[in-house]
Amino acid sequence: MHPTIPGFTYRRVPVDGDIALNVAVGGSGSPVVLLHGFPQTHLMWRHVAVELAARHTVICPDLRGYGASDKPAEDAGADGAAGLTYAKRTMAADVVALARALGHERFALAGHDRGALVAIRAALDHPEVITHLASLDVLPTLDTWDVMHGTSAAVGFHLYLMAQPPGLPERMIAASADAFFGHFLDIWTRDPRAIPADIRAAYLAASRASVPSVVADYRASAGIDVVHDQADRDAGNLLRMPVTVLQQDWGTALGFDAAARWRAWAPDLRHSTVSCGHFMAEEAPRDVVGAVLDLLTR
């Protein structure tokens, strides 16, 4: 049997034409949507979701291109640049459509890693819909590329690999998928017990089956997502809702002021660094739950 979030019900919800997302829903009360990161699925929220469901309706989808959600083919242009299929704008629209299909016109949104990039874009594109925003362990896309310099950028080698035109990165990753995806599960986790064997196996199986769409998601973040972020920066668009950010201390490691980067986007910001690894919803779920509940009081 595939692992599931205890006490949650599962369904497939159409969000964009014939594209449907796999989603787990539990609890009751005001809605909170949780978006997973790489190389994971909605299961990364299994501890946090159960705790939040005591007070809220909690919605945990697999993003487009991940897990058991649909994986449309990338609409790459002749120059190899990513099109809109995996733009964060498109993936954010999926999330808004999903919540609406479940009966929620407004909701709080928390995202980790790739899911946080989708959440940021949702909050910029749909400020009337997103009431609160939590981001776990990323910078906005525009800032991510801006802070990557010299040899320190080697930590983000996968960003550059998957930014290449269609073909080579997909073949390289598919040829050794478990080693590639497992590498990140290993090096980004400070407490290996946080991702037990059955969950790790589920992540690897899901990632192995999603190589083209995962690469397309990353390729979009080296192209169209930067264009969209820059347009918002140029227009002075901001995240006007309360924002909470939890991050590892990447600023010290890579030489930038993470809180200042975030303040440029989010005037109502609470920014904290954490002592756990990247997969904080699994390594320190109580801290994440506390941060989300605190955010929802603002």
Foldseek 3Di string as FASTA:
>chain_A
DADDQPQWDWDWADQDVPWTWIKTKAAADAEEEEEEAPLAFLCLLSVLQVVCRPHHIYMGIGFALFDPTHDDAFPADPVLATDDPQALLNRLSSVCSVCVVVPAQAHAYEYAHLGLLSQVNNLLVCVVRHQEYEYAADFHLLVVVVLQDDPLNVVVVVLVLLLDGPDVSLVVCLVPVCVVRVVCLPPQFPDNVLQDDSRSVSSSVRCNVRSSRVSSNSNSSVPVNNVVVVVCLVVQGASEHAYEYEHAVVCVSRPHDRVVSNCSRYVNYDYYYDDGGSSCCRVPVVVVSVRVVVRVVD
